Amino acid sequence: MASSGKKRTTMAKLNREARLRERRVEKEARKFERKLAAANPPEFEDAPEFEDADADLADRPRSESEVSQTP
C-alpha cells in the first residue's frame, strides 16, 4: 500500500535546489557580462605609451662600478 500522507521534501534537498538556482543565476549573469564585453571592447586610446625599456636604461646615470665594467 502506498502512503496516504503528503510527501515531504527535506531541508537538505531544498537547500541544494536553492543553491543550484543561485548558481544558475550567477552563471547567466557572467554569460551576459561576457556578451556585453565582446560587443563593447574597451578603448585604450587614453592609455600611456610604453617606451622601450632599453632606452630608459641608456639614459640613466651609471654608478662607478658599472662604468669600470664596461669595455
Protein backbone atom coordinates (compact mmCIF):
# COMPACT_ATOMS: atom_id res chain seq x y z
CA MET A 1 0.00 0.00 0.00
CA ALA A 2 1.10 3.47 -0.74
CA SER A 3 1.34 6.12 1.91
CA SER A 4 -1.69 8.33 2.10
CA GLY A 5 0.30 11.17 3.65
CA LYS A 6 1.74 14.12 1.78
CA LYS A 7 5.33 13.66 0.54
CA ARG A 8 7.79 15.91 2.27
CA THR A 9 10.96 17.36 0.85
CA THR A 10 13.84 17.54 3.30
CA MET A 11 15.51 20.84 4.13
CA ALA A 12 18.77 19.49 2.72
CA LYS A 13 17.14 18.96 -0.67
CA LEU A 14 15.50 22.38 -0.55
CA ASN A 15 18.88 23.95 0.27
CA ARG A 16 20.60 22.08 -2.59
CA GLU A 17 17.93 23.22 -5.04
CA ALA A 18 18.20 26.82 -3.82
CA ARG A 19 22.00 26.80 -4.26
CA LEU A 20 21.56 25.33 -7.73
CA ARG A 21 19.14 28.12 -8.70
CA GLU A 22 21.58 30.74 -7.36
CA ARG A 23 24.49 29.24 -9.32
CA ARG A 24 22.41 29.25 -12.49
CA VAL A 25 21.52 32.91 -11.99
CA GLU A 26 25.18 33.80 -11.36
CA LYS A 27 26.28 31.84 -14.43
CA GLU A 28 23.71 33.62 -16.57
CA ALA A 29 24.94 36.99 -15.24
CA ARG A 30 28.57 36.11 -16.10
CA LYS A 31 27.48 35.00 -19.57
CA PHE A 32 25.63 38.29 -20.06
CA GLU A 33 28.69 40.29 -18.90
CA ARG A 34 30.89 38.44 -21.41
CA LYS A 35 28.43 39.24 -24.19
CA LEU A 36 28.47 42.93 -23.22
CA ALA A 37 32.27 42.98 -23.08
CA ALA A 38 32.53 41.35 -26.51
CA ALA A 39 30.05 43.80 -28.02
CA ASN A 40 31.75 46.86 -26.48
CA PRO A 41 35.53 46.28 -26.33
CA PRO A 42 37.40 48.76 -24.12
CA GLU A 43 39.28 51.52 -25.89
CA PHE A 44 42.89 52.08 -24.94
CA GLU A 45 43.44 55.43 -26.63
CA ASP A 46 43.91 57.19 -23.30
CA ALA A 47 46.46 54.66 -22.06
CA PRO A 48 50.04 55.95 -21.75
CA GLU A 49 52.51 54.86 -24.38
CA PHE A 50 55.12 52.46 -23.09
CA GLU A 51 58.64 53.24 -24.14
CA ASP A 52 61.34 50.74 -24.81
CA ALA A 53 62.88 49.57 -21.53
CA ASP A 54 66.40 49.65 -23.02
CA ALA A 55 66.03 53.32 -23.89
CA ASP A 56 65.33 54.05 -20.23
CA LEU A 57 68.46 52.24 -19.17
CA ALA A 58 70.66 54.07 -21.69
CA ASP A 59 69.63 57.49 -20.37
CA ARG A 60 70.14 56.83 -16.66
CA PRO A 61 73.39 57.79 -14.93
CA ARG A 62 75.73 54.89 -14.23
CA SER A 63 77.49 54.12 -10.99
CA GLU A 64 81.28 53.90 -10.80
CA SER A 65 81.22 50.08 -10.61
CA GLU A 66 79.13 49.87 -13.79
CA VAL A 67 81.44 52.29 -15.64
CA SER A 68 84.57 50.26 -14.77
CA GLN A 69 82.94 47.04 -16.04
CA THR A 70 82.01 48.33 -19.50
CA PRO A 71 84.52 47.53 -22.28
